[in-house]
Amino acid sequence: MKDEKGKRPDQQINVELSEEVAEGVYSNLAMIAHSNSEFVIDFIRLMPGVPKAKVKSRIIVTPEHAKRLLAALRDNIEKYEDAFGKISHSGGAPQFPISFGTPGEA
Protein backbone atom coordinates (compact mmCIF):
# COMPACT_ATOMS: atom_id res chain seq x y z
CA MET A 1 0.00 0.00 0.00
CA LYS A 2 1.34 3.42 -0.98
CA ASP A 3 0.32 6.98 -0.07
CA GLU A 4 -0.42 9.79 -2.55
CA LYS A 5 3.32 10.44 -2.98
CA GLY A 6 4.02 6.82 -3.91
CA LYS A 7 5.75 5.93 -0.63
CA ARG A 8 4.85 3.18 1.78
CA PRO A 9 3.59 4.74 5.07
CA ASP A 10 5.87 2.46 7.13
CA GLN A 11 8.97 3.29 5.07
CA GLN A 12 11.94 4.22 7.25
CA ILE A 13 14.56 6.86 6.56
CA ASN A 14 18.14 5.83 7.17
CA VAL A 15 20.01 8.75 8.72
CA GLU A 16 23.79 8.77 8.44
CA LEU A 17 25.76 10.44 11.24
CA SER A 18 29.48 10.89 10.66
CA GLU A 19 31.88 10.77 13.62
CA GLU A 20 32.74 14.44 13.14
CA VAL A 21 29.10 15.56 13.24
CA ALA A 22 28.32 13.17 16.11
CA GLU A 23 30.83 15.05 18.30
CA GLY A 24 28.56 18.09 18.18
CA VAL A 25 29.36 21.75 18.57
CA TYR A 26 28.93 23.54 21.91
CA SER A 27 26.81 26.68 21.83
CA ASN A 28 25.53 28.83 24.68
CA LEU A 29 23.79 31.49 22.60
CA ALA A 30 21.47 31.33 19.61
CA MET A 31 20.29 34.20 17.45
CA ILE A 32 17.35 33.82 15.12
CA ALA A 33 16.36 35.90 12.10
CA HIS A 34 13.71 35.27 9.47
CA SER A 35 12.39 36.31 6.10
CA ASN A 36 9.14 35.35 4.43
CA SER A 37 10.67 32.07 3.24
CA GLU A 38 13.21 30.93 5.84
CA PHE A 39 14.43 31.04 9.43
CA VAL A 40 18.16 31.44 10.08
CA ILE A 41 19.45 30.13 13.39
CA ASP A 42 23.02 31.04 14.35
CA PHE A 43 24.54 29.00 17.16
CA ILE A 44 27.24 30.99 18.93
CA ARG A 45 29.84 30.19 21.57
CA LEU A 46 30.21 33.08 23.99
CA MET A 47 33.16 32.87 26.37
CA PRO A 48 33.26 34.85 29.64
CA GLY A 49 35.54 37.88 29.47
CA VAL A 50 36.12 37.56 25.73
CA PRO A 51 34.58 40.42 23.73
CA LYS A 52 34.45 38.43 20.49
CA ALA A 53 32.14 35.47 19.92
CA LYS A 54 32.07 33.18 16.91
CA VAL A 55 29.12 31.70 15.10
CA LYS A 56 29.89 27.99 15.32
CA SER A 57 27.03 26.80 13.14
CA ARG A 58 24.26 28.31 11.00
CA ILE A 59 21.10 26.36 10.26
CA ILE A 60 18.56 27.59 7.70
CA VAL A 61 15.07 26.07 7.71
CA THR A 62 11.68 26.68 6.16
CA PRO A 63 8.96 28.30 8.29
CA GLU A 64 7.12 24.95 8.41
CA HIS A 65 10.22 23.16 9.67
CA ALA A 66 10.87 25.93 12.23
CA LYS A 67 7.39 25.31 13.64
CA ARG A 68 8.00 21.53 13.77
CA LEU A 69 11.33 22.21 15.50
CA LEU A 70 9.58 24.40 18.08
CA ALA A 71 7.05 21.63 18.79
CA ALA A 72 9.83 19.02 19.09
CA LEU A 73 11.80 21.26 21.49
CA ARG A 74 8.68 21.82 23.63
CA ASP A 75 8.01 18.08 23.76
CA ASN A 76 11.61 17.27 24.69
CA ILE A 77 11.77 19.99 27.35
CA GLU A 78 8.58 18.61 28.93
CA LYS A 79 10.09 15.10 28.94
CA TYR A 80 13.36 16.42 30.39
CA GLU A 81 11.56 18.31 33.16
CA ASP A 82 9.40 15.25 33.97
CA ALA A 83 12.59 13.22 34.41
CA PHE A 84 14.94 15.77 36.01
CA GLY A 85 12.85 18.64 37.35
CA LYS A 86 12.12 22.13 36.17
CA ILE A 87 14.76 24.00 34.21
CA SER A 88 15.43 27.25 36.02
CA HIS A 89 14.97 30.41 34.01
CA SER A 90 17.25 33.26 35.04
CA GLY A 91 14.87 35.95 33.81
CA GLY A 92 15.56 36.58 30.17
CA ALA A 93 18.21 36.65 27.53
CA PRO A 94 21.57 38.25 28.29
CA GLN A 95 21.67 41.91 27.30
CA PHE A 96 24.72 43.00 25.39
CA PRO A 97 25.40 44.74 22.09
CA ILE A 98 26.12 42.41 19.23
CA SER A 99 27.56 43.31 15.86
CA PHE A 100 28.24 40.87 13.08
CA GLY A 101 31.66 41.32 11.51
CA THR A 102 32.92 39.62 8.41
CA PRO A 103 35.44 36.77 8.65
CA GLY A 104 38.93 38.09 9.28
CA GLU A 105 37.67 41.47 10.45
CA ALA A 106 39.37 42.73 13.60
C-alpha atoms as a PDB file:
ATOM      1  CA  MET A   1       0.000   0.000   0.000  1.00  0.00           C
ATOM      2  CA  LYS A   2       1.345   3.425  -0.984  1.00  0.00           C
ATOM      3  CA  ASP A   3       0.315   6.982  -0.073  1.00  0.00           C
ATOM      4  CA  GLU A   4      -0.421   9.794  -2.548  1.00  0.00           C
ATOM      5  CA  LYS A   5       3.320  10.440  -2.981  1.00  0.00           C
ATOM      6  CA  GLY A   6       4.016   6.820  -3.910  1.00  0.00           C
ATOM      7  CA  LYS A   7       5.747   5.930  -0.634  1.00  0.00           C
ATOM      8  CA  ARG A   8       4.851   3.183   1.784  1.00  0.00           C
ATOM      9  CA  PRO A   9       3.591   4.736   5.070  1.00  0.00           C
ATOM     10  CA  ASP A  10       5.871   2.464   7.127  1.00  0.00           C
ATOM     11  CA  GLN A  11       8.973   3.285   5.071  1.00  0.00           C
ATOM     12  CA  GLN A  12      11.936   4.216   7.251  1.00  0.00           C
ATOM     13  CA  ILE A  13      14.559   6.862   6.561  1.00  0.00           C
ATOM     14  CA  ASN A  14      18.137   5.829   7.166  1.00  0.00           C
ATOM     15  CA  VAL A  15      20.009   8.745   8.717  1.00  0.00           C
ATOM     16  CA  GLU A  16      23.791   8.773   8.438  1.00  0.00           C
ATOM     17  CA  LEU A  17      25.761  10.435  11.237  1.00  0.00           C
ATOM     18  CA  SER A  18      29.481  10.894  10.662  1.00  0.00           C
ATOM     19  CA  GLU A  19      31.878  10.772  13.618  1.00  0.00           C
ATOM     20  CA  GLU A  20      32.735  14.440  13.139  1.00  0.00           C
ATOM     21  CA  VAL A  21      29.099  15.563  13.241  1.00  0.00           C
ATOM     22  CA  ALA A  22      28.321  13.165  16.113  1.00  0.00           C
ATOM     23  CA  GLU A  23      30.832  15.045  18.298  1.00  0.00           C
ATOM     24  CA  GLY A  24      28.556  18.091  18.175  1.00  0.00           C
ATOM     25  CA  VAL A  25      29.361  21.751  18.567  1.00  0.00           C
ATOM     26  CA  TYR A  26      28.932  23.536  21.909  1.00  0.00           C
ATOM     27  CA  SER A  27      26.807  26.677  21.833  1.00  0.00           C
ATOM     28  CA  ASN A  28      25.531  28.829  24.678  1.00  0.00           C
ATOM     29  CA  LEU A  29      23.789  31.493  22.604  1.00  0.00           C
ATOM     30  CA  ALA A  30      21.469  31.331  19.610  1.00  0.00           C
ATOM     31  CA  MET A  31      20.294  34.200  17.454  1.00  0.00           C
ATOM     32  CA  ILE A  32      17.347  33.824  15.118  1.00  0.00           C
ATOM     33  CA  ALA A  33      16.356  35.897  12.098  1.00  0.00           C
ATOM     34  CA  HIS A  34      13.712  35.265   9.473  1.00  0.00           C
ATOM     35  CA  SER A  35      12.391  36.306   6.096  1.00  0.00           C
ATOM     36  CA  ASN A  36       9.139  35.346   4.433  1.00  0.00           C
ATOM     37  CA  SER A  37      10.668  32.067   3.236  1.00  0.00           C
ATOM     38  CA  GLU A  38      13.210  30.931   5.842  1.00  0.00           C
ATOM     39  CA  PHE A  39      14.428  31.042   9.426  1.00  0.00           C
ATOM     40  CA  VAL A  40      18.157  31.443  10.076  1.00  0.00           C
ATOM     41  CA  ILE A  41      19.453  30.135  13.394  1.00  0.00           C
ATOM     42  CA  ASP A  42      23.021  31.042  14.350  1.00  0.00           C
ATOM     43  CA  PHE A  43      24.540  28.998  17.157  1.00  0.00           C
ATOM     44  CA  ILE A  44      27.238  30.993  18.929  1.00  0.00           C
ATOM     45  CA  ARG A  45      29.838  30.189  21.572  1.00  0.00           C
ATOM     46  CA  LEU A  46      30.214  33.083  23.988  1.00  0.00           C
ATOM     47  CA  MET A  47      33.160  32.865  26.373  1.00  0.00           C
ATOM     48  CA  PRO A  48      33.258  34.845  29.636  1.00  0.00           C
ATOM     49  CA  GLY A  49      35.540  37.876  29.474  1.00  0.00           C
ATOM     50  CA  VAL A  50      36.124  37.563  25.729  1.00  0.00           C
ATOM     51  CA  PRO A  51      34.583  40.416  23.731  1.00  0.00           C
ATOM     52  CA  LYS A  52      34.452  38.433  20.488  1.00  0.00           C
ATOM     53  CA  ALA A  53      32.137  35.468  19.920  1.00  0.00           C
ATOM     54  CA  LYS A  54      32.074  33.175  16.910  1.00  0.00           C
ATOM     55  CA  VAL A  55      29.120  31.703  15.098  1.00  0.00           C
ATOM     56  CA  LYS A  56      29.888  27.991  15.320  1.00  0.00           C
ATOM     57  CA  SER A  57      27.025  26.798  13.144  1.00  0.00           C
ATOM     58  CA  ARG A  58      24.258  28.308  11.004  1.00  0.00           C
ATOM     59  CA  ILE A  59      21.098  26.362  10.261  1.00  0.00           C
ATOM     60  CA  ILE A  60      18.562  27.587   7.700  1.00  0.00           C
ATOM     61  CA  VAL A  61      15.074  26.071   7.706  1.00  0.00           C
ATOM     62  CA  THR A  62      11.682  26.680   6.155  1.00  0.00           C
ATOM     63  CA  PRO A  63       8.956  28.295   8.293  1.00  0.00           C
ATOM     64  CA  GLU A  64       7.121  24.954   8.408  1.00  0.00           C
ATOM     65  CA  HIS A  65      10.219  23.161   9.671  1.00  0.00           C
ATOM     66  CA  ALA A  66      10.866  25.925  12.228  1.00  0.00           C
ATOM     67  CA  LYS A  67       7.388  25.308  13.637  1.00  0.00           C
ATOM     68  CA  ARG A  68       7.998  21.530  13.768  1.00  0.00           C
ATOM     69  CA  LEU A  69      11.334  22.212  15.501  1.00  0.00           C
ATOM     70  CA  LEU A  70       9.579  24.401  18.085  1.00  0.00           C
ATOM     71  CA  ALA A  71       7.051  21.628  18.792  1.00  0.00           C
ATOM     72  CA  ALA A  72       9.828  19.024  19.087  1.00  0.00           C
ATOM     73  CA  LEU A  73      11.797  21.255  21.486  1.00  0.00           C
ATOM     74  CA  ARG A  74       8.677  21.816  23.631  1.00  0.00           C
ATOM     75  CA  ASP A  75       8.015  18.081  23.758  1.00  0.00           C
ATOM     76  CA  ASN A  76      11.605  17.268  24.688  1.00  0.00           C
ATOM     77  CA  ILE A  77      11.771  19.990  27.350  1.00  0.00           C
ATOM     78  CA  GLU A  78       8.583  18.607  28.930  1.00  0.00           C
ATOM     79  CA  LYS A  79      10.086  15.098  28.938  1.00  0.00           C
ATOM     80  CA  TYR A  80      13.361  16.420  30.389  1.00  0.00           C
ATOM     81  CA  GLU A  81      11.556  18.310  33.164  1.00  0.00           C
ATOM     82  CA  ASP A  82       9.400  15.255  33.973  1.00  0.00           C
ATOM     83  CA  ALA A  83      12.590  13.218  34.412  1.00  0.00           C
ATOM     84  CA  PHE A  84      14.944  15.765  36.011  1.00  0.00           C
ATOM     85  CA  GLY A  85      12.850  18.636  37.351  1.00  0.00           C
ATOM     86  CA  LYS A  86      12.119  22.130  36.166  1.00  0.00           C
ATOM     87  CA  ILE A  87      14.758  24.000  34.210  1.00  0.00           C
ATOM     88  CA  SER A  88      15.435  27.253  36.024  1.00  0.00           C
ATOM     89  CA  HIS A  89      14.967  30.410  34.013  1.00  0.00           C
ATOM     90  CA  SER A  90      17.246  33.263  35.036  1.00  0.00           C
ATOM     91  CA  GLY A  91      14.874  35.952  33.814  1.00  0.00           C
ATOM     92  CA  GLY A  92      15.564  36.576  30.171  1.00  0.00           C
ATOM     93  CA  ALA A  93      18.213  36.654  27.533  1.00  0.00           C
ATOM     94  CA  PRO A  94      21.574  38.252  28.290  1.00  0.00           C
ATOM     95  CA  GLN A  95      21.667  41.908  27.299  1.00  0.00           C
ATOM     96  CA  PHE A  96      24.725  42.998  25.386  1.00  0.00           C
ATOM     97  CA  PRO A  97      25.396  44.742  22.093  1.00  0.00           C
ATOM     98  CA  ILE A  98      26.120  42.411  19.226  1.00  0.00           C
ATOM     99  CA  SER A  99      27.555  43.306  15.858  1.00  0.00           C
ATOM    100  CA  PHE A 100      28.245  40.866  13.080  1.00  0.00           C
ATOM    101  CA  GLY A 101      31.658  41.315  11.505  1.00  0.00           C
ATOM    102  CA  THR A 102      32.917  39.620   8.408  1.00  0.00           C
ATOM    103  CA  PRO A 103      35.435  36.774   8.655  1.00  0.00           C
ATOM    104  CA  GLY A 104      38.929  38.091   9.275  1.00  0.00           C
ATOM    105  CA  GLU A 105      37.667  41.471  10.446  1.00  0.00           C
ATOM    106  CA  ALA A 106      39.367  42.726  13.601  1.00  0.00           C
END
